[in-house]
Amino acid sequence: MIRAAGLALLVTFAASPALAQSELAQAESAYLEVDFEGSHPPDELVRIYQLLGTASSLMGEEDAARDYFVRMLGIDPNAQLDESVPPRARNPYLEARGIWAARQGRLAI
């Protein structure tokens, strides 16, 4: 059943290169229209990820919190949590520090 569906999809795209080209053109057009002026400097990104990570951790969303802290520490390896963050909410931050400690390099901006 899955093989038949995959084959039908392959035949559809093979029979319709114009459709694939159209989707590619739409994707490239959307990319070119992105407004990059709304981006934040690294110090603001560190604070944004810190706040998102802390909020996620306090809401019990530890996986999301760890991801935000990994991003924060990728930008600034010396970033710390506010002292006001309770100990129970610090585990994702500590896990993120461990993830970066196990890696050889840092992100480049």
PDB file of N, CA and C in Angstrom:
ATOM      1  N   MET A   1       0.820  -1.186   0.000  1.00  0.00           N
ATOM      2  CA  MET A   1       0.000   0.000   0.000  1.00  0.00           C
ATOM      3  C   MET A   1       0.869   1.257   0.000  1.00  0.00           C
ATOM      4  N   ILE A   2       1.863   1.299   0.894  1.00  0.00           N
ATOM      5  CA  ILE A   2       2.751   2.450   0.963  1.00  0.00           C
ATOM      6  C   ILE A   2       3.575   2.556  -0.307  1.00  0.00           C
ATOM      7  N   ARG A   3       4.037   1.414  -0.815  1.00  0.00           N
ATOM      8  CA  ARG A   3       4.831   1.403  -2.042  1.00  0.00           C
ATOM      9  C   ARG A   3       4.014   1.968  -3.210  1.00  0.00           C
ATOM     10  N   ALA A   4       2.737   1.606  -3.290  1.00  0.00           N
ATOM     11  CA  ALA A   4       1.868   2.093  -4.363  1.00  0.00           C
ATOM     12  C   ALA A   4       1.659   3.595  -4.253  1.00  0.00           C
ATOM     13  N   ALA A   5       1.497   4.107  -3.030  1.00  0.00           N
ATOM     14  CA  ALA A   5       1.307   5.546  -2.843  1.00  0.00           C
ATOM     15  C   ALA A   5       2.577   6.295  -3.218  1.00  0.00           C
ATOM     16  N   GLY A   6       3.728   5.759  -2.842  1.00  0.00           N
ATOM     17  CA  GLY A   6       4.996   6.386  -3.200  1.00  0.00           C
ATOM     18  C   GLY A   6       5.212   6.393  -4.699  1.00  0.00           C
ATOM     19  N   LEU A   7       4.865   5.288  -5.342  1.00  0.00           N
ATOM     20  CA  LEU A   7       4.991   5.198  -6.788  1.00  0.00           C
ATOM     21  C   LEU A   7       4.066   6.201  -7.476  1.00  0.00           C
ATOM     22  N   ALA A   8       2.844   6.335  -6.979  1.00  0.00           N
ATOM     23  CA  ALA A   8       1.901   7.296  -7.560  1.00  0.00           C
ATOM     24  C   ALA A   8       2.431   8.721  -7.412  1.00  0.00           C
ATOM     25  N   LEU A   9       3.015   9.026  -6.267  1.00  0.00           N
ATOM     26  CA  LEU A   9       3.578  10.357  -6.047  1.00  0.00           C
ATOM     27  C   LEU A   9       4.754  10.605  -6.974  1.00  0.00           C
ATOM     28  N   LEU A  10       5.616   9.608  -7.140  1.00  0.00           N
ATOM     29  CA  LEU A  10       6.759   9.725  -8.035  1.00  0.00           C
ATOM     30  C   LEU A  10       6.315   9.949  -9.467  1.00  0.00           C
ATOM     31  N   VAL A  11       5.315   9.193  -9.902  1.00  0.00           N
ATOM     32  CA  VAL A  11       4.792   9.344 -11.265  1.00  0.00           C
ATOM     33  C   VAL A  11       4.194  10.727 -11.458  1.00  0.00           C
ATOM     34  N   THR A  12       3.503  11.223 -10.443  1.00  0.00           N
ATOM     35  CA  THR A  12       2.897  12.556 -10.536  1.00  0.00           C
ATOM     36  C   THR A  12       3.964  13.619 -10.743  1.00  0.00           C
ATOM     37  N   PHE A  13       5.035  13.576  -9.939  1.00  0.00           N
ATOM     38  CA  PHE A  13       6.093  14.583 -10.087  1.00  0.00           C
ATOM     39  C   PHE A  13       6.893  14.388 -11.363  1.00  0.00           C
ATOM     40  N   ALA A  14       7.117  13.135 -11.751  1.00  0.00           N
ATOM     41  CA  ALA A  14       7.857  12.881 -12.984  1.00  0.00           C
ATOM     42  C   ALA A  14       7.051  13.329 -14.189  1.00  0.00           C
ATOM     43  N   ALA A  15       5.751  13.150 -14.127  1.00  0.00           N
ATOM     44  CA  ALA A  15       4.899  13.523 -15.254  1.00  0.00           C
ATOM     45  C   ALA A  15       4.655  15.025 -15.286  1.00  0.00           C
ATOM     46  N   SER A  16       4.931  15.698 -14.189  1.00  0.00           N
ATOM     47  CA  SER A  16       4.625  17.115 -14.119  1.00  0.00           C
ATOM     48  C   SER A  16       5.818  17.921 -13.616  1.00  0.00           C
ATOM     49  N   PRO A  17       6.902  18.032 -14.427  1.00  0.00           N
ATOM     50  CA  PRO A  17       8.039  18.827 -13.994  1.00  0.00           C
ATOM     51  C   PRO A  17       7.658  20.296 -13.844  1.00  0.00           C
ATOM     52  N   ALA A  18       6.629  20.732 -14.553  1.00  0.00           N
ATOM     53  CA  ALA A  18       6.187  22.123 -14.431  1.00  0.00           C
ATOM     54  C   ALA A  18       5.658  22.384 -13.025  1.00  0.00           C
ATOM     55  N   LEU A  19       4.967  21.393 -12.437  1.00  0.00           N
ATOM     56  CA  LEU A  19       4.456  21.544 -11.082  1.00  0.00           C
ATOM     57  C   LEU A  19       5.614  21.691 -10.099  1.00  0.00           C
ATOM     58  N   ALA A  20       6.624  20.857 -10.231  1.00  0.00           N
ATOM     59  CA  ALA A  20       7.790  20.933  -9.348  1.00  0.00           C
ATOM     60  C   ALA A  20       8.507  22.267  -9.523  1.00  0.00           C
ATOM     61  N   GLN A  21       8.661  22.722 -10.757  1.00  0.00           N
ATOM     62  CA  GLN A  21       9.310  24.012 -11.012  1.00  0.00           C
ATOM     63  C   GLN A  21       8.493  25.150 -10.426  1.00  0.00           C
ATOM     64  N   SER A  22       7.174  25.048 -10.534  1.00  0.00           N
ATOM     65  CA  SER A  22       6.296  26.080  -9.993  1.00  0.00           C
ATOM     66  C   SER A  22       6.468  26.180  -8.475  1.00  0.00           C
ATOM     67  N   GLU A  23       6.508  25.036  -7.793  1.00  0.00           N
ATOM     68  CA  GLU A  23       6.688  25.033  -6.343  1.00  0.00           C
ATOM     69  C   GLU A  23       8.054  25.576  -5.961  1.00  0.00           C
ATOM     70  N   LEU A  24       9.066  25.236  -6.723  1.00  0.00           N
ATOM     71  CA  LEU A  24      10.406  25.760  -6.469  1.00  0.00           C
ATOM     72  C   LEU A  24      10.421  27.275  -6.644  1.00  0.00           C
ATOM     73  N   ALA A  25       9.802  27.752  -7.691  1.00  0.00           N
ATOM     74  CA  ALA A  25       9.745  29.198  -7.935  1.00  0.00           C
ATOM     75  C   ALA A  25       9.002  29.905  -6.811  1.00  0.00           C
ATOM     76  N   GLN A  26       7.922  29.308  -6.323  1.00  0.00           N
ATOM     77  CA  GLN A  26       7.179  29.907  -5.218  1.00  0.00           C
ATOM     78  C   GLN A  26       8.026  29.958  -3.952  1.00  0.00           C
ATOM     79  N   ALA A  27       8.759  28.890  -3.681  1.00  0.00           N
ATOM     80  CA  ALA A  27       9.613  28.858  -2.492  1.00  0.00           C
ATOM     81  C   ALA A  27      10.713  29.904  -2.578  1.00  0.00           C
ATOM     82  N   GLU A  28      11.339  30.010  -3.737  1.00  0.00           N
ATOM     83  CA  GLU A  28      12.402  31.002  -3.894  1.00  0.00           C
ATOM     84  C   GLU A  28      11.852  32.416  -3.803  1.00  0.00           C
ATOM     85  N   SER A  29      10.695  32.653  -4.347  1.00  0.00           N
ATOM     86  CA  SER A  29      10.063  33.967  -4.268  1.00  0.00           C
ATOM     87  C   SER A  29       9.757  34.324  -2.817  1.00  0.00           C
ATOM     88  N   ALA A  30       9.222  33.369  -2.066  1.00  0.00           N
ATOM     89  CA  ALA A  30       8.916  33.615  -0.656  1.00  0.00           C
ATOM     90  C   ALA A  30      10.184  33.933   0.121  1.00  0.00           C
ATOM     91  N   TYR A  31      11.265  33.228  -0.175  1.00  0.00           N
ATOM     92  CA  TYR A  31      12.535  33.476   0.504  1.00  0.00           C
ATOM     93  C   TYR A  31      13.035  34.890   0.229  1.00  0.00           C
ATOM     94  N   LEU A  32      12.929  35.321  -1.016  1.00  0.00           N
ATOM     95  CA  LEU A  32      13.411  36.649  -1.381  1.00  0.00           C
ATOM     96  C   LEU A  32      12.580  37.764  -0.761  1.00  0.00           C
ATOM     97  N   GLU A  33      11.349  37.470  -0.382  1.00  0.00           N
ATOM     98  CA  GLU A  33      10.478  38.481   0.197  1.00  0.00           C
ATOM     99  C   GLU A  33      10.565  38.568   1.711  1.00  0.00           C
ATOM    100  N   VAL A  34      11.408  37.740   2.343  1.00  0.00           N
ATOM    101  CA  VAL A  34      11.541  37.770   3.798  1.00  0.00           C
ATOM    102  C   VAL A  34      12.171  39.090   4.221  1.00  0.00           C
ATOM    103  N   ASP A  35      11.609  39.672   5.276  1.00  0.00           N
ATOM    104  CA  ASP A  35      12.123  40.932   5.816  1.00  0.00           C
ATOM    105  C   ASP A  35      13.125  40.612   6.921  1.00  0.00           C
ATOM    106  N   PHE A  36      14.409  40.737   6.593  1.00  0.00           N
ATOM    107  CA  PHE A  36      15.453  40.442   7.570  1.00  0.00           C
ATOM    108  C   PHE A  36      15.754  41.624   8.482  1.00  0.00           C
ATOM    109  N   GLU A  37      15.131  42.771   8.255  1.00  0.00           N
ATOM    110  CA  GLU A  37      15.390  43.939   9.090  1.00  0.00           C
ATOM    111  C   GLU A  37      14.839  43.762  10.496  1.00  0.00           C
ATOM    112  N   GLY A  38      13.965  42.806  10.690  1.00  0.00           N
ATOM    113  CA  GLY A  38      13.400  42.561  12.007  1.00  0.00           C
ATOM    114  C   GLY A  38      14.302  41.720  12.883  1.00  0.00           C
ATOM    115  N   SER A  39      15.494  41.374  12.415  1.00  0.00           N
ATOM    116  CA  SER A  39      16.382  40.524  13.194  1.00  0.00           C
ATOM    117  C   SER A  39      16.954  41.294  14.379  1.00  0.00           C
ATOM    118  N   HIS A  40      17.450  40.535  15.353  1.00  0.00           N
ATOM    119  CA  HIS A  40      17.970  41.118  16.588  1.00  0.00           C
ATOM    120  C   HIS A  40      19.479  40.938  16.666  1.00  0.00           C
ATOM    121  N   PRO A  41      20.169  41.886  17.294  1.00  0.00           N
ATOM    122  CA  PRO A  41      21.608  41.697  17.509  1.00  0.00           C
ATOM    123  C   PRO A  41      21.842  40.553  18.503  1.00  0.00           C
ATOM    124  N   PRO A  42      23.033  39.976  18.516  1.00  0.00           N
ATOM    125  CA  PRO A  42      23.306  38.811  19.363  1.00  0.00           C
ATOM    126  C   PRO A  42      22.971  39.003  20.842  1.00  0.00           C
ATOM    127  N   ASP A  43      23.258  40.162  21.418  1.00  0.00           N
ATOM    128  CA  ASP A  43      22.977  40.346  22.845  1.00  0.00           C
ATOM    129  C   ASP A  43      21.475  40.296  23.132  1.00  0.00           C
ATOM    130  N   GLU A  44      20.657  40.798  22.212  1.00  0.00           N
ATOM    131  CA  GLU A  44      19.211  40.714  22.385  1.00  0.00           C
ATOM    132  C   GLU A  44      18.727  39.281  22.205  1.00  0.00           C
ATOM    133  N   LEU A  45      19.312  38.562  21.254  1.00  0.00           N
ATOM    134  CA  LEU A  45      18.931  37.160  21.052  1.00  0.00           C
ATOM    135  C   LEU A  45      19.234  36.327  22.294  1.00  0.00           C
ATOM    136  N   VAL A  46      20.369  36.583  22.922  1.00  0.00           N
ATOM    137  CA  VAL A  46      20.723  35.862  24.149  1.00  0.00           C
ATOM    138  C   VAL A  46      19.636  36.082  25.195  1.00  0.00           C
ATOM    139  N   ARG A  47      19.217  37.325  25.362  1.00  0.00           N
ATOM    140  CA  ARG A  47      18.183  37.631  26.364  1.00  0.00           C
ATOM    141  C   ARG A  47      16.836  37.019  25.968  1.00  0.00           C
ATOM    142  N   ILE A  48      16.491  37.082  24.699  1.00  0.00           N
ATOM    143  CA  ILE A  48      15.232  36.485  24.229  1.00  0.00           C
ATOM    144  C   ILE A  48      15.222  34.985  24.509  1.00  0.00           C
ATOM    145  N   TYR A  49      16.311  34.286  24.149  1.00  0.00           N
ATOM    146  CA  TYR A  49      16.373  32.848  24.394  1.00  0.00           C
ATOM    147  C   TYR A  49      16.385  32.539  25.889  1.00  0.00           C
ATOM    148  N   GLN A  50      17.006  33.399  26.682  1.00  0.00           N
ATOM    149  CA  GLN A  50      17.008  33.203  28.125  1.00  0.00           C
ATOM    150  C   GLN A  50      15.581  33.289  28.678  1.00  0.00           C
ATOM    151  N   LEU A  51      14.845  34.298  28.245  1.00  0.00           N
ATOM    152  CA  LEU A  51      13.472  34.464  28.724  1.00  0.00           C
ATOM    153  C   LEU A  51      12.572  33.314  28.246  1.00  0.00           C
ATOM    154  N   LEU A  52      12.709  32.932  26.976  1.00  0.00           N
ATOM    155  CA  LEU A  52      11.910  31.822  26.447  1.00  0.00           C
ATOM    156  C   LEU A  52      12.247  30.520  27.161  1.00  0.00           C
ATOM    157  N   GLY A  53      13.524  30.285  27.404  1.00  0.00           N
ATOM    158  CA  GLY A  53      13.948  29.072  28.098  1.00  0.00           C
ATOM    159  C   GLY A  53      13.445  29.029  29.524  1.00  0.00           C
ATOM    160  N   THR A  54      13.539  30.151  30.212  1.00  0.00           N
ATOM    161  CA  THR A  54      13.075  30.214  31.595  1.00  0.00           C
ATOM    162  C   THR A  54      11.568  30.008  31.672  1.00  0.00           C
ATOM    163  N   ALA A  55      10.828  30.686  30.806  1.00  0.00           N
ATOM    164  CA  ALA A  55       9.372  30.539  30.800  1.00  0.00           C
ATOM    165  C   ALA A  55       8.975  29.099  30.478  1.00  0.00           C
ATOM    166  N   SER A  56       9.627  28.502  29.485  1.00  0.00           N
ATOM    167  CA  SER A  56       9.312  27.119  29.118  1.00  0.00           C
ATOM    168  C   SER A  56       9.599  26.168  30.274  1.00  0.00           C
ATOM    169  N   SER A  57      10.708  26.391  30.942  1.00  0.00           N
ATOM    170  CA  SER A  57      11.081  25.534  32.058  1.00  0.00           C
ATOM    171  C   SER A  57      10.059  25.649  33.192  1.00  0.00           C
ATOM    172  N   LEU A  58       9.637  26.865  33.494  1.00  0.00           N
ATOM    173  CA  LEU A  58       8.663  27.070  34.565  1.00  0.00           C
ATOM    174  C   LEU A  58       7.294  26.470  34.228  1.00  0.00           C
ATOM    175  N   MET A  59       7.006  26.335  32.943  1.00  0.00           N
ATOM    176  CA  MET A  59       5.741  25.730  32.516  1.00  0.00           C
ATOM    177  C   MET A  59       5.857  24.212  32.373  1.00  0.00           C
ATOM    178  N   GLY A  60       7.032  23.667  32.691  1.00  0.00           N
ATOM    179  CA  GLY A  60       7.224  22.225  32.619  1.00  0.00           C
ATOM    180  C   GLY A  60       7.592  21.711  31.243  1.00  0.00           C
ATOM    181  N   GLU A  61       7.890  22.598  30.321  1.00  0.00           N
ATOM    182  CA  GLU A  61       8.261  22.213  28.958  1.00  0.00           C
ATOM    183  C   GLU A  61       9.789  22.138  28.864  1.00  0.00           C
ATOM    184  N   GLU A  62      10.347  21.116  29.483  1.00  0.00           N
ATOM    185  CA  GLU A  62      11.797  21.033  29.626  1.00  0.00           C
ATOM    186  C   GLU A  62      12.536  20.861  28.306  1.00  0.00           C
ATOM    187  N   ASP A  63      11.977  20.118  27.351  1.00  0.00           N
ATOM    188  CA  ASP A  63      12.644  19.938  26.053  1.00  0.00           C
ATOM    189  C   ASP A  63      12.765  21.271  25.325  1.00  0.00           C
ATOM    190  N   ALA A  64      11.683  22.036  25.305  1.00  0.00           N
ATOM    191  CA  ALA A  64      11.710  23.349  24.653  1.00  0.00           C
ATOM    192  C   ALA A  64      12.673  24.271  25.382  1.00  0.00           C
ATOM    193  N   ALA A  65      12.642  24.244  26.707  1.00  0.00           N
ATOM    194  CA  ALA A  65      13.535  25.091  27.494  1.00  0.00           C
ATOM    195  C   ALA A  65      14.997  24.772  27.178  1.00  0.00           C
ATOM    196  N   ARG A  66      15.325  23.489  27.146  1.00  0.00           N
ATOM    197  CA  ARG A  66      16.703  23.083  26.843  1.00  0.00           C
ATOM    198  C   ARG A  66      17.116  23.571  25.460  1.00  0.00           C
ATOM    199  N   ASP A  67      16.215  23.485  24.480  1.00  0.00           N
ATOM    200  CA  ASP A  67      16.530  23.962  23.129  1.00  0.00           C
ATOM    201  C   ASP A  67      16.821  25.462  23.123  1.00  0.00           C
ATOM    202  N   TYR A  68      16.018  26.238  23.848  1.00  0.00           N
ATOM    203  CA  TYR A  68      16.261  27.685  23.919  1.00  0.00           C
ATOM    204  C   TYR A  68      17.599  27.976  24.595  1.00  0.00           C
ATOM    205  N   PHE A  69      17.912  27.243  25.662  1.00  0.00           N
ATOM    206  CA  PHE A  69      19.173  27.472  26.350  1.00  0.00           C
ATOM    207  C   PHE A  69      20.370  27.041  25.496  1.00  0.00           C
ATOM    208  N   VAL A  70      20.213  25.995  24.710  1.00  0.00           N
ATOM    209  CA  VAL A  70      21.283  25.590  23.792  1.00  0.00           C
ATOM    210  C   VAL A  70      21.562  26.715  22.806  1.00  0.00           C
ATOM    211  N   ARG A  71      20.511  27.310  22.270  1.00  0.00           N
ATOM    212  CA  ARG A  71      20.680  28.439  21.345  1.00  0.00           C
ATOM    213  C   ARG A  71      21.339  29.619  22.042  1.00  0.00           C
ATOM    214  N   MET A  72      20.880  29.922  23.255  1.00  0.00           N
ATOM    215  CA  MET A  72      21.443  31.034  24.023  1.00  0.00           C
ATOM    216  C   MET A  72      22.948  30.839  24.221  1.00  0.00           C
ATOM    217  N   LEU A  73      23.329  29.650  24.646  1.00  0.00           N
ATOM    218  CA  LEU A  73      24.738  29.377  24.923  1.00  0.00           C
ATOM    219  C   LEU A  73      25.561  29.241  23.644  1.00  0.00           C
ATOM    220  N   GLY A  74      24.913  28.922  22.539  1.00  0.00           N
ATOM    221  CA  GLY A  74      25.614  28.895  21.261  1.00  0.00           C
ATOM    222  C   GLY A  74      26.045  30.283  20.835  1.00  0.00           C
ATOM    223  N   ILE A  75      25.261  31.280  21.214  1.00  0.00           N
ATOM    224  CA  ILE A  75      25.602  32.662  20.892  1.00  0.00           C
ATOM    225  C   ILE A  75      26.579  33.226  21.909  1.00  0.00           C
ATOM    226  N   ASP A  76      26.297  32.974  23.193  1.00  0.00           N
ATOM    227  CA  ASP A  76      27.159  33.476  24.267  1.00  0.00           C
ATOM    228  C   ASP A  76      27.427  32.347  25.259  1.00  0.00           C
ATOM    229  N   PRO A  77      28.587  31.701  25.145  1.00  0.00           N
ATOM    230  CA  PRO A  77      28.886  30.557  26.016  1.00  0.00           C
ATOM    231  C   PRO A  77      28.968  30.926  27.500  1.00  0.00           C
ATOM    232  N   ASN A  78      29.097  32.212  27.812  1.00  0.00           N
ATOM    233  CA  ASN A  78      29.200  32.642  29.200  1.00  0.00           C
ATOM    234  C   ASN A  78      27.876  33.139  29.773  1.00  0.00           C
ATOM    235  N   ALA A  79      26.795  33.028  29.018  1.00  0.00           N
ATOM    236  CA  ALA A  79      25.491  33.514  29.481  1.00  0.00           C
ATOM    237  C   ALA A  79      25.049  32.736  30.718  1.00  0.00           C
ATOM    238  N   GLN A  80      24.496  33.451  31.652  1.00  0.00           N
ATOM    239  CA  GLN A  80      24.027  32.868  32.902  1.00  0.00           C
ATOM    240  C   GLN A  80      22.540  33.135  33.075  1.00  0.00           C
ATOM    241  N   LEU A  81      21.898  32.341  33.903  1.00  0.00           N
ATOM    242  CA  LEU A  81      20.504  32.599  34.250  1.00  0.00           C
ATOM    243  C   LEU A  81      20.447  33.658  35.343  1.00  0.00           C
ATOM    244  N   ASP A  82      19.341  34.391  35.369  1.00  0.00           N
ATOM    245  CA  ASP A  82      19.118  35.336  36.466  1.00  0.00           C
ATOM    246  C   ASP A  82      19.084  34.565  37.778  1.00  0.00           C
ATOM    247  N   GLU A  83      19.525  35.189  38.849  1.00  0.00           N
ATOM    248  CA  GLU A  83      19.483  34.520  40.153  1.00  0.00           C
ATOM    249  C   GLU A  83      18.058  34.307  40.636  1.00  0.00           C
ATOM    250  N   SER A  84      17.110  35.029  40.035  1.00  0.00           N
ATOM    251  CA  SER A  84      15.714  34.892  40.441  1.00  0.00           C
ATOM    252  C   SER A  84      15.078  33.597  39.939  1.00  0.00           C
ATOM    253  N   VAL A  85      15.744  32.885  39.011  1.00  0.00           N
ATOM    254  CA  VAL A  85      15.198  31.626  38.483  1.00  0.00           C
ATOM    255  C   VAL A  85      15.332  30.563  39.574  1.00  0.00           C
ATOM    256  N   PRO A  86      14.204  29.944  39.957  1.00  0.00           N
ATOM    257  CA  PRO A  86      14.269  28.945  41.035  1.00  0.00           C
ATOM    258  C   PRO A  86      15.070  27.715  40.622  1.00  0.00           C
ATOM    259  N   PRO A  87      15.669  27.053  41.604  1.00  0.00           N
ATOM    260  CA  PRO A  87      16.485  25.872  41.310  1.00  0.00           C
ATOM    261  C   PRO A  87      15.759  24.803  40.497  1.00  0.00           C
ATOM    262  N   ARG A  88      14.459  24.607  40.725  1.00  0.00           N
ATOM    263  CA  ARG A  88      13.713  23.570  39.999  1.00  0.00           C
ATOM    264  C   ARG A  88      13.622  23.864  38.514  1.00  0.00           C
ATOM    265  N   ALA A  89      13.835  25.105  38.103  1.00  0.00           N
ATOM    266  CA  ALA A  89      13.736  25.486  36.695  1.00  0.00           C
ATOM    267  C   ALA A  89      15.100  25.546  36.013  1.00  0.00           C
ATOM    268  N   ARG A  90      16.145  25.192  36.710  1.00  0.00           N
ATOM    269  CA  ARG A  90      17.504  25.302  36.171  1.00  0.00           C
ATOM    270  C   ARG A  90      17.991  24.056  35.436  1.00  0.00           C
ATOM    271  N   ASN A  91      17.315  22.934  35.582  1.00  0.00           N
ATOM    272  CA  ASN A  91      17.796  21.687  34.962  1.00  0.00           C
ATOM    273  C   ASN A  91      17.987  21.798  33.448  1.00  0.00           C
ATOM    274  N   PRO A  92      17.038  22.345  32.681  1.00  0.00           N
ATOM    275  CA  PRO A  92      17.258  22.453  31.235  1.00  0.00           C
ATOM    276  C   PRO A  92      18.478  23.315  30.892  1.00  0.00           C
ATOM    277  N   TYR A  93      18.709  24.353  31.681  1.00  0.00           N
ATOM    278  CA  TYR A  93      19.885  25.202  31.457  1.00  0.00           C
ATOM    279  C   TYR A  93      21.164  24.399  31.698  1.00  0.00           C
ATOM    280  N   LEU A  94      21.187  23.639  32.780  1.00  0.00           N
ATOM    281  CA  LEU A  94      22.372  22.829  33.080  1.00  0.00           C
ATOM    282  C   LEU A  94      22.597  21.758  32.025  1.00  0.00           C
ATOM    283  N   GLU A  95      21.500  21.179  31.510  1.00  0.00           N
ATOM    284  CA  GLU A  95      21.629  20.198  30.426  1.00  0.00           C
ATOM    285  C   GLU A  95      22.209  20.860  29.172  1.00  0.00           C
ATOM    286  N   ALA A  96      21.761  22.069  28.881  1.00  0.00           N
ATOM    287  CA  ALA A  96      22.270  22.786  27.713  1.00  0.00           C
ATOM    288  C   ALA A  96      23.760  23.080  27.864  1.00  0.00           C
ATOM    289  N   ARG A  97      24.180  23.449  29.056  1.00  0.00           N
ATOM    290  CA  ARG A  97      25.612  23.675  29.296  1.00  0.00           C
ATOM    291  C   ARG A  97      26.396  22.380  29.054  1.00  0.00           C
ATOM    292  N   GLY A  98      25.827  21.268  29.485  1.00  0.00           N
ATOM    293  CA  GLY A  98      26.477  19.973  29.263  1.00  0.00           C
ATOM    294  C   GLY A  98      26.579  19.620  27.788  1.00  0.00           C
ATOM    295  N   ILE A  99      25.546  19.955  27.028  1.00  0.00           N
ATOM    296  CA  ILE A  99      25.569  19.690  25.591  1.00  0.00           C
ATOM    297  C   ILE A  99      26.712  20.462  24.943  1.00  0.00           C
ATOM    298  N   TRP A 100      26.846  21.737  25.292  1.00  0.00           N
ATOM    299  CA  TRP A 100      27.917  22.542  24.699  1.00  0.00           C
ATOM    300  C   TRP A 100      29.289  22.104  25.197  1.00  0.00           C
ATOM    301  N   ALA A 101      29.377  21.655  26.434  1.00  0.00           N
ATOM    302  CA  ALA A 101      30.665  21.209  26.975  1.00  0.00           C
ATOM    303  C   ALA A 101      31.163  19.971  26.215  1.00  0.00           C
ATOM    304  N   ALA A 102      30.226  19.155  25.720  1.00  0.00           N
ATOM    305  CA  ALA A 102      30.591  17.946  24.995  1.00  0.00           C
ATOM    306  C   ALA A 102      30.986  18.215  23.543  1.00  0.00           C
ATOM    307  N   ARG A 103      30.713  19.410  23.048  1.00  0.00           N
ATOM    308  CA  ARG A 103      31.042  19.745  21.651  1.00  0.00           C
ATOM    309  C   ARG A 103      32.405  20.421  21.580  1.00  0.00           C
ATOM    310  N   GLN A 104      33.026  20.264  20.422  1.00  0.00           N
ATOM    311  CA  GLN A 104      34.357  20.831  20.220  1.00  0.00           C
ATOM    312  C   GLN A 104      34.319  22.307  19.852  1.00  0.00           C
ATOM    313  N   GLY A 105      33.335  22.719  19.072  1.00  0.00           N
ATOM    314  CA  GLY A 105      33.325  24.076  18.539  1.00  0.00           C
ATOM    315  C   GLY A 105      32.148  24.885  19.017  1.00  0.00           C
ATOM    316  N   ARG A 106      32.079  26.104  18.560  1.00  0.00           N
ATOM    317  CA  ARG A 106      30.985  27.032  18.852  1.00  0.00           C
ATOM    318  C   ARG A 106      30.321  27.443  17.563  1.00  0.00           C
ATOM    319  N   LEU A 107      29.157  28.035  17.681  1.00  0.00           N
ATOM    320  CA  LEU A 107      28.493  28.590  16.511  1.00  0.00           C
ATOM    321  C   LEU A 107      29.219  29.848  16.079  1.00  0.00           C
ATOM    322  N   ALA A 108      29.204  30.133  14.800  1.00  0.00           N
ATOM    323  CA  ALA A 108      29.787  31.383  14.293  1.00  0.00           C
ATOM    324  C   ALA A 108      28.653  32.268  13.827  1.00  0.00           C
ATOM    325  N   ILE A 109      28.776  33.523  14.129  1.00  0.00           N
ATOM    326  CA  ILE A 109      27.743  34.480  13.715  1.00  0.00           C
ATOM    327  C   ILE A 109      28.341  35.421  12.694  1.00  0.00           C
TER     328      ILE A 109
END
